[in-house]
Amino acid sequence: MHIDHIGIAVKDLESAISVYEKLLNRPCTKKERVDSEMVETAFFETGESKVELLGATSPDSVIAKYIAKKGEGLHHVAFEVTDIHAELKRLRSEGFTVLNDEPKDGADNKLVAFIHPKDNNGVLVELCQGK
């Protein structure tokens, strides 16, 4: 298991892309809309891991609500796994609160599921597996 990406919630995706292009000294490598989550994402390659910027496409989205409550900033850490179903089963047996009954389609052509931050010292954890 390794860190696939860190997710950062932003109010203005285009503005944040410009900031991160300067910060990381590289272009955004991929933008993608994920309608099921009501977000638009922008990815930056940073070696073995990526930075994912998350902008809300609806005021009802999880990201919009997160920003309204906590402001912009770190939203989640995503770990890539080889068998997301087995990892979810293992984590449930360890007492973690899994927020998804089953993995769902996420950005970057991955299956994703989330682990509640209350079980992870306040950090939302995403598990992801390539399709």
Protein backbone atom coordinates (compact mmCIF):
# COMPACT_ATOMS: atom_id res chain seq x y z
CA MET A 1 0.00 0.00 0.00
CA HIS A 2 1.32 3.44 -0.88
CA ILE A 3 -0.04 6.98 -1.01
CA ASP A 4 -1.79 7.38 -4.35
CA HIS A 5 -2.70 11.02 -3.83
CA ILE A 6 -3.66 13.72 -1.39
CA GLY A 7 -6.94 15.53 -1.97
CA ILE A 8 -7.19 19.27 -1.39
CA ALA A 9 -10.58 21.01 -1.27
CA VAL A 10 -10.60 24.36 -3.07
CA LYS A 11 -13.21 27.07 -3.63
CA ASP A 12 -12.05 28.06 -7.12
CA LEU A 13 -10.56 25.18 -9.08
CA GLU A 14 -9.11 27.27 -11.94
CA SER A 15 -7.41 29.66 -9.53
CA ALA A 16 -6.05 26.75 -7.48
CA ILE A 17 -4.71 25.06 -10.64
CA SER A 18 -2.74 28.23 -11.40
CA VAL A 19 -1.34 28.32 -7.85
CA TYR A 20 -0.30 24.65 -7.89
CA GLU A 21 1.24 24.91 -11.36
CA LYS A 22 3.51 27.63 -9.97
CA LEU A 23 4.09 25.84 -6.65
CA LEU A 24 4.94 22.47 -8.18
CA ASN A 25 6.56 23.95 -11.31
CA ARG A 26 4.59 21.61 -13.55
CA PRO A 27 1.30 21.67 -15.44
CA CYS A 28 -1.94 20.08 -14.37
CA THR A 29 -1.90 16.65 -16.00
CA LYS A 30 -5.60 15.82 -15.94
CA LYS A 31 -8.96 17.43 -15.20
CA GLU A 32 -12.04 15.31 -14.66
CA ARG A 33 -15.61 15.85 -13.59
CA VAL A 34 -17.10 13.25 -11.24
CA ASP A 35 -20.84 13.86 -11.42
CA SER A 36 -21.71 11.27 -8.75
CA GLU A 37 -19.67 13.30 -6.22
CA MET A 38 -20.57 16.72 -7.71
CA VAL A 39 -16.89 17.66 -8.05
CA GLU A 40 -14.38 18.56 -10.67
CA THR A 41 -10.85 17.34 -10.04
CA ALA A 42 -7.44 18.41 -11.26
CA PHE A 43 -4.41 16.15 -10.88
CA PHE A 44 -0.71 16.94 -10.64
CA GLU A 45 1.93 14.21 -10.96
CA THR A 46 4.49 14.45 -8.15
CA GLY A 47 6.60 11.32 -8.50
CA GLU A 48 4.93 8.17 -7.19
CA SER A 49 2.01 10.15 -5.77
CA LYS A 50 -0.33 12.84 -7.05
CA VAL A 51 -1.99 15.98 -5.76
CA GLU A 52 -5.72 16.13 -6.47
CA LEU A 53 -7.53 19.45 -6.28
CA LEU A 54 -11.28 19.12 -5.65
CA GLY A 55 -13.72 21.85 -6.62
CA ALA A 56 -17.47 21.61 -5.99
CA THR A 57 -19.83 21.66 -8.96
CA SER A 58 -22.88 22.05 -6.71
CA PRO A 59 -23.52 23.75 -3.36
CA ASP A 60 -24.95 20.39 -2.22
CA SER A 61 -21.70 18.49 -2.79
CA VAL A 62 -19.62 17.02 0.00
CA ILE A 63 -16.74 19.32 -0.99
CA ALA A 64 -18.89 22.47 -0.84
CA LYS A 65 -20.15 21.46 2.60
CA TYR A 66 -16.63 20.63 3.75
CA ILE A 67 -15.32 24.04 2.65
CA ALA A 68 -18.27 25.82 4.29
CA LYS A 69 -17.52 24.04 7.57
CA LYS A 70 -13.71 23.82 7.61
CA GLY A 71 -12.45 26.03 4.80
CA GLU A 72 -10.10 25.11 2.01
CA GLY A 73 -7.32 22.64 2.65
CA LEU A 74 -6.42 18.99 3.05
CA HIS A 75 -9.53 16.88 2.49
CA HIS A 76 -8.21 13.30 2.35
CA VAL A 77 -5.26 10.99 1.92
CA ALA A 78 -5.73 8.19 -0.60
CA PHE A 79 -3.93 4.87 -0.40
CA GLU A 80 -3.75 2.59 -3.43
CA VAL A 81 -4.64 -1.02 -2.70
CA THR A 82 -4.52 -4.12 -4.88
CA ASP A 83 -7.83 -5.58 -3.66
CA ILE A 84 -10.22 -2.92 -2.39
CA HIS A 85 -12.90 -5.45 -1.42
CA ALA A 86 -10.46 -7.43 0.76
CA GLU A 87 -9.12 -4.23 2.36
CA LEU A 88 -12.63 -3.01 3.20
CA LYS A 89 -13.44 -6.36 4.77
CA ARG A 90 -10.18 -6.29 6.75
CA LEU A 91 -10.73 -2.74 7.97
CA ARG A 92 -14.32 -3.46 9.01
CA SER A 93 -13.06 -6.44 11.02
CA GLU A 94 -10.52 -4.13 12.68
CA GLY A 95 -13.38 -1.84 13.77
CA PHE A 96 -13.00 0.99 11.25
CA THR A 97 -16.09 2.81 10.03
CA VAL A 98 -16.30 2.30 6.27
CA LEU A 99 -18.45 5.00 4.68
CA ASN A 100 -19.31 3.02 1.53
CA ASP A 101 -21.05 -0.36 1.48
CA GLU A 102 -19.32 -1.10 -1.81
CA PRO A 103 -16.53 0.65 -3.73
CA LYS A 104 -17.78 3.21 -6.24
CA ASP A 105 -16.42 4.80 -9.38
CA GLY A 106 -14.08 7.67 -8.60
CA ALA A 107 -11.76 9.99 -10.46
CA ASP A 108 -8.70 8.79 -12.36
CA ASN A 109 -10.43 5.56 -13.47
CA LYS A 110 -10.39 4.07 -9.97
CA LEU A 111 -12.72 2.30 -7.60
CA VAL A 112 -12.85 4.19 -4.30
CA ALA A 113 -14.17 3.86 -0.76
CA PHE A 114 -13.72 6.05 2.30
CA ILE A 115 -12.90 5.41 5.95
CA HIS A 116 -14.45 7.83 8.48
CA PRO A 117 -12.01 10.41 9.88
CA LYS A 118 -13.12 9.76 13.47
CA ASP A 119 -11.25 6.45 13.26
CA ASN A 120 -8.09 7.96 11.73
CA ASN A 121 -7.10 10.81 14.03
CA GLY A 122 -9.30 13.25 12.12
CA VAL A 123 -8.11 12.35 8.60
CA LEU A 124 -10.52 11.10 5.94
CA VAL A 125 -8.87 8.10 4.28
CA GLU A 126 -9.68 7.00 0.75
CA LEU A 127 -8.84 3.56 -0.55
CA CYS A 128 -8.47 3.34 -4.32
CA GLN A 129 -7.85 0.60 -6.82
CA GLY A 130 -7.28 0.91 -10.55
CA LYS A 131 -9.98 -0.63 -12.70
